[in-house]
Protein backbone atom coordinates (compact mmCIF):
# COMPACT_ATOMS: atom_id res chain seq x y z
CA MET A 1 36.73 90.16 -160.14
CA ARG A 2 34.80 89.48 -156.93
CA THR A 3 36.77 87.69 -154.21
CA LYS A 4 34.92 84.92 -152.42
CA LYS A 5 34.54 85.65 -148.72
CA PRO A 6 36.25 83.06 -146.50
CA ALA A 7 33.85 80.78 -144.64
CA THR A 8 33.30 81.35 -140.93
CA HIS A 9 33.63 78.22 -138.79
CA TYR A 10 31.72 77.65 -135.57
CA LEU A 11 31.98 75.39 -132.56
CA ALA A 12 29.68 75.21 -129.52
CA THR A 13 30.49 74.53 -125.87
CA ASP A 14 28.84 74.24 -122.49
CA ALA A 15 28.41 77.36 -120.36
CA ASP A 16 31.90 76.88 -118.91
CA GLY A 17 33.48 77.07 -122.35
CA ILE A 18 34.47 73.39 -122.41
CA ILE A 19 33.70 71.15 -125.39
CA PRO A 20 31.46 68.45 -123.83
CA ALA A 21 33.00 65.58 -125.82
CA SER A 22 36.47 66.57 -124.62
CA LEU A 23 35.33 66.52 -121.01
CA ALA A 24 33.68 63.12 -121.43
CA ALA A 25 36.94 61.79 -122.92
CA GLY A 26 38.91 62.99 -119.89
CA THR A 27 40.84 65.62 -121.86
CA PRO A 28 38.83 68.84 -121.34
CA VAL A 29 39.39 71.60 -123.90
CA ASN A 30 38.28 75.04 -122.71
CA LEU A 31 37.77 77.56 -125.50
CA ALA A 32 37.00 80.38 -123.07
CA ASP A 33 40.56 80.19 -121.77
CA ALA A 34 42.10 80.13 -125.24
CA VAL A 35 40.68 83.10 -127.16
CA GLY A 36 43.30 84.34 -129.62
CA THR A 37 45.47 81.25 -129.18
CA THR A 38 46.00 77.95 -130.95
CA ILE A 39 44.90 74.60 -129.51
CA ASP A 40 46.28 71.24 -130.56
CA HIS A 41 43.95 68.28 -130.16
CA PRO A 42 44.93 66.27 -127.05
CA ASN A 43 44.26 62.87 -128.66
CA PRO A 44 44.14 63.15 -132.47
CA CYS A 45 43.01 60.22 -134.57
CA GLN A 46 45.52 58.65 -136.93
CA ASN A 47 43.01 57.53 -139.56
CA LEU A 48 41.53 60.76 -140.93
CA TRP A 49 38.65 61.37 -140.14
CA TYR A 50 37.68 58.33 -138.17
CA ASP A 51 36.54 58.39 -134.53
CA GLU A 52 39.21 56.22 -132.96
CA THR A 53 38.11 57.50 -129.55
CA ALA A 54 35.07 59.40 -128.28
CA PHE A 55 36.90 62.66 -129.04
CA SER A 56 39.27 62.29 -132.00
CA TYR A 57 39.20 65.69 -133.73
CA PHE A 58 37.64 69.14 -133.55
CA ARG A 59 34.31 69.36 -135.38
CA THR A 60 33.54 72.77 -136.84
CA VAL A 61 30.64 73.84 -139.05
CA THR A 62 30.16 76.72 -141.46
CA ALA A 63 26.37 76.66 -140.90
CA PRO A 64 25.72 77.82 -137.32
CA GLY A 65 22.25 76.28 -137.43
CA GLU A 66 23.92 72.83 -137.47
CA VAL A 67 26.42 73.37 -134.67
CA LEU A 68 24.07 71.83 -132.06
CA ALA A 69 24.19 68.50 -133.87
CA ASP A 70 27.59 67.94 -132.29
CA VAL A 71 26.82 69.67 -128.97
CA PRO A 72 23.09 69.08 -128.34
CA GLY A 73 21.09 71.04 -125.80
CA TRP A 74 20.48 74.61 -124.78
CA PRO A 75 21.78 77.06 -123.69
CA ARG A 76 25.17 76.87 -125.38
CA ARG A 77 28.06 79.25 -126.01
CA LEU A 78 29.09 79.78 -129.62
CA TRP A 79 32.62 80.36 -130.85
CA ILE A 80 34.21 81.39 -134.12
CA ILE A 81 37.04 79.02 -134.91
CA GLU A 82 39.83 78.93 -137.47
CA PRO A 83 40.76 75.35 -138.43
CA LEU A 84 44.52 75.00 -139.02
CA GLY A 85 46.81 72.44 -140.58
CA THR A 86 45.36 69.33 -142.19
CA THR A 87 41.57 69.52 -142.44
CA GLY A 88 38.87 67.36 -143.98
CA THR A 89 35.30 66.12 -143.95
CA TRP A 90 33.47 62.84 -144.27
CA GLY A 91 32.85 63.73 -147.90
CA GLY A 92 29.58 64.11 -149.74
CA ARG A 93 26.96 66.83 -149.89
CA ASP A 94 25.56 66.11 -146.42
CA SER A 95 28.84 67.08 -144.76
CA ALA A 96 29.72 70.01 -147.02
CA HIS A 97 29.08 72.42 -144.13
CA ARG A 98 31.54 70.57 -141.86
CA LEU A 99 35.29 70.85 -141.49
CA PHE A 100 37.39 68.74 -139.15
CA ALA A 101 40.82 69.58 -137.78
CA HIS A 102 43.42 68.57 -135.20
CA ARG A 103 44.47 72.15 -134.61
CA ILE A 104 42.30 75.24 -134.22
CA ARG A 105 42.63 78.89 -133.33
CA VAL A 106 39.90 80.35 -131.15
CA VAL A 107 39.03 83.64 -132.83
CA GLN A 108 36.28 84.95 -130.55
CA GLU A 109 33.00 84.18 -128.85
CA THR A 110 29.92 85.23 -130.78
CA GLU A 111 26.21 85.58 -130.04
CA SER A 112 24.77 82.18 -129.17
CA TRP A 113 21.32 82.76 -130.70
CA GLN A 114 22.89 82.11 -134.11
CA ALA A 115 23.00 78.42 -133.24
CA LEU A 116 19.18 78.52 -133.47
CA GLY A 117 19.27 79.77 -137.05
CA SER A 118 19.07 83.17 -138.70
CA ARG A 119 15.92 83.96 -136.70
CA GLY A 120 17.26 82.68 -133.41
CA ARG A 121 16.48 85.95 -131.62
CA GLN A 122 12.83 85.76 -132.62
CA VAL A 123 12.64 82.10 -131.62
CA LEU A 124 14.00 82.81 -128.15
CA ASP A 125 11.57 85.70 -127.72
CA LEU A 126 8.70 83.38 -128.62
CA ILE A 127 9.82 80.66 -126.22
CA ASP A 128 10.77 82.89 -123.30
CA HIS A 129 8.09 85.58 -123.47
CA GLN A 130 5.14 84.47 -125.60
CA LEU A 131 4.67 80.73 -125.31
CA PRO A 132 3.88 80.56 -121.57
CA ASP A 133 0.72 82.68 -121.98
CA LEU A 134 -0.19 81.08 -125.30
CA ALA A 135 0.21 77.57 -123.88
CA ARG A 136 -2.05 78.34 -120.94
CA THR A 137 -4.66 79.79 -123.31
CA TRP A 138 -4.53 76.72 -125.58
CA ALA A 139 -4.70 74.37 -122.60
CA ALA A 140 -7.65 76.23 -121.07
CA THR A 141 -9.53 75.98 -124.38
CA HIS A 142 -8.85 72.25 -124.45
CA THR A 143 -10.01 71.81 -120.86
CA ALA A 144 -13.27 73.66 -121.53
CA ASP A 145 -14.29 71.26 -124.32
CA PRO A 146 -11.72 68.50 -125.00
CA ASP A 147 -13.85 66.64 -127.58
CA ARG A 148 -14.42 69.75 -129.68
CA VAL A 149 -10.75 70.72 -129.54
CA HIS A 150 -9.62 67.19 -130.38
CA GLN A 151 -11.84 67.08 -133.46
CA ALA A 152 -10.73 70.53 -134.59
CA TYR A 153 -7.08 69.56 -134.08
CA GLU A 154 -7.48 66.37 -136.13
CA ASP A 155 -9.21 68.32 -138.90
CA TRP A 156 -6.28 70.76 -138.91
CA ARG A 157 -3.65 68.03 -138.71
CA LEU A 158 -5.12 66.00 -141.58
CA CYS A 159 -6.67 68.89 -143.51
CA ASN A 160 -10.24 67.61 -143.33
CA SER A 161 -11.55 71.11 -143.96
CA ARG A 162 -13.34 71.87 -147.24
CA GLU A 163 -12.01 75.41 -147.25
CA PRO A 164 -9.74 75.90 -150.31
CA GLU A 165 -7.13 77.83 -148.32
CA ALA A 166 -6.86 75.19 -145.61
CA ALA A 167 -3.58 73.31 -145.25
CA SER A 168 -2.59 70.16 -143.40
CA GLY A 169 -0.71 70.83 -140.18
CA MET A 170 1.05 67.48 -140.53
CA ASN A 171 2.24 68.28 -144.05
CA ALA A 172 3.33 71.75 -142.93
CA LYS A 173 5.56 70.22 -140.24
CA GLN A 174 7.06 67.83 -142.78
CA MET A 175 7.76 70.74 -145.10
CA ALA A 176 9.48 72.57 -142.25
CA LEU A 177 11.73 69.55 -141.65
CA SER A 178 12.63 69.38 -145.33
CA VAL A 179 13.36 73.10 -145.64
CA ALA A 180 15.42 73.08 -142.45
CA GLY A 181 17.58 70.34 -143.94
CA SER A 182 18.13 72.12 -147.23
CA SER A 183 18.90 75.42 -145.48
CA ARG A 184 21.35 73.83 -143.02
CA CYS A 185 19.45 74.40 -139.78
CA SER A 186 18.15 70.93 -138.94
CA ALA A 187 19.91 70.88 -135.58
CA ALA A 188 18.40 74.28 -134.80
CA LEU A 189 14.93 73.00 -135.72
CA TRP A 190 15.16 69.96 -133.45
CA THR A 191 16.48 72.10 -130.60
CA VAL A 192 13.68 74.63 -131.09
CA SER A 193 11.17 71.78 -131.12
CA ARG A 194 12.39 70.56 -127.74
CA LEU A 195 12.47 74.05 -126.23
CA ALA A 196 8.96 74.88 -127.44
CA ILE A 197 7.48 71.60 -126.23
CA ASP A 198 9.15 71.90 -122.83
CA ALA A 199 8.03 75.52 -122.42
CA ALA A 200 4.43 74.62 -123.26
CA HIS A 201 4.38 71.60 -120.97
CA THR A 202 5.75 73.65 -118.08
CA ALA A 203 3.19 76.42 -118.57
CA ALA A 204 0.20 74.13 -119.18
CA ASP A 205 0.96 71.29 -116.77
CA GLU A 206 -1.72 72.40 -114.30
CA PHE A 207 -4.42 71.71 -116.92
CA GLY A 208 -3.60 68.01 -117.16
CA ARG A 209 -1.72 65.76 -119.54
CA SER A 210 -4.03 65.93 -122.56
CA ALA A 211 -4.38 69.71 -122.47
CA ALA A 212 -0.63 70.17 -121.99
CA HIS A 213 0.09 67.84 -124.92
CA TYR A 214 -2.26 69.84 -127.14
CA ALA A 215 -0.53 73.06 -126.10
CA ALA A 216 2.88 71.50 -126.77
CA MET A 217 1.94 70.47 -130.32
CA ARG A 218 0.64 73.96 -131.04
CA ALA A 219 3.82 75.45 -129.57
CA GLU A 220 6.10 73.28 -131.71
CA ALA A 221 4.26 74.19 -134.92
CA LEU A 222 4.32 77.91 -134.10
CA ALA A 223 8.04 77.75 -133.25
CA PHE A 224 8.71 76.15 -136.65
CA ALA A 225 6.87 79.03 -138.30
CA VAL A 226 8.93 81.62 -136.44
CA LEU A 227 12.24 79.87 -137.17
CA LEU A 228 11.55 79.44 -140.90
CA GLU A 229 9.41 82.50 -141.56
CA ASN A 230 11.75 83.75 -144.29
CA ARG A 231 12.03 80.33 -145.97
CA LEU A 232 8.50 78.91 -146.10
CA ARG A 233 5.56 79.88 -148.29
CA ASP A 234 2.65 81.75 -146.69
CA TYR A 235 0.48 78.69 -147.27
CA THR A 236 2.71 76.59 -145.01
CA LEU A 237 3.28 79.33 -142.43
CA THR A 238 -0.47 79.86 -142.04
CA ALA A 239 -0.90 76.16 -141.32
CA LEU A 240 1.91 76.08 -138.77
CA ARG A 241 0.43 79.08 -136.97
CA GLY A 242 -2.85 77.21 -136.63
CA ALA A 243 -5.04 79.92 -138.16
CA ALA A 244 -7.60 77.47 -139.54
CA LEU A 245 -7.64 75.58 -136.25
CA ASP A 246 -8.37 78.73 -134.26
CA GLN A 247 -11.05 79.77 -136.74
CA ALA A 248 -12.75 76.37 -136.44
CA LEU A 249 -12.73 76.56 -132.66
CA THR A 250 -14.14 80.09 -132.69
CA ALA A 251 -16.88 79.09 -135.13
CA ALA A 252 -17.80 76.03 -133.07
CA ALA A 253 -17.94 78.09 -129.88
């Protein structure tokens, strides 16, 4: 008989190891100082699991791609946690990946890229090393002929092409949102969206607002494709990568 592997629980913190909500509540909890030890919540709620204060219980998740829902932003440190004592959730399928507790044991710190999903490493490589050059290239193309690029982008976004293999960029993004939700990495997707857009804007800012916006939308779509490469169909991935858009621009040029 196969034994079911115990779930791994995660919790994210700021760079200093402190849970942001605990600091905001005036009762800072530092996980970095407590590895291997047990922590009791400094102000536990009495009505399980109701937020009687801004920080009423420890919020852990078994899906690392959702940990940034409770601790938004990047970069973050990621910790493996063991919930102890009485635990619970809000109930329902949407919170099945969550587990709340008033007492936890800090097992160890783990690699933070996991908070960006199973392909977090690839996403960070895209954002840190590839997007700056790509964004400048996209923005330069837009600057050279903004009307042509705008029309090609709208054709891609709405799938105005007559080519049978063409796909709507807008629908591809919606599919990415849906798949991220079902695969428990919605928080990762929204974080990746923000990182990709910010990286593109920073790299393409010198080309002006319209060109930088175009680069940012391309960057977001490509980042979705990288994050969900092993979960989306080729049809959707091709759309997110903007293959038809690039082909239309090349043909027009």
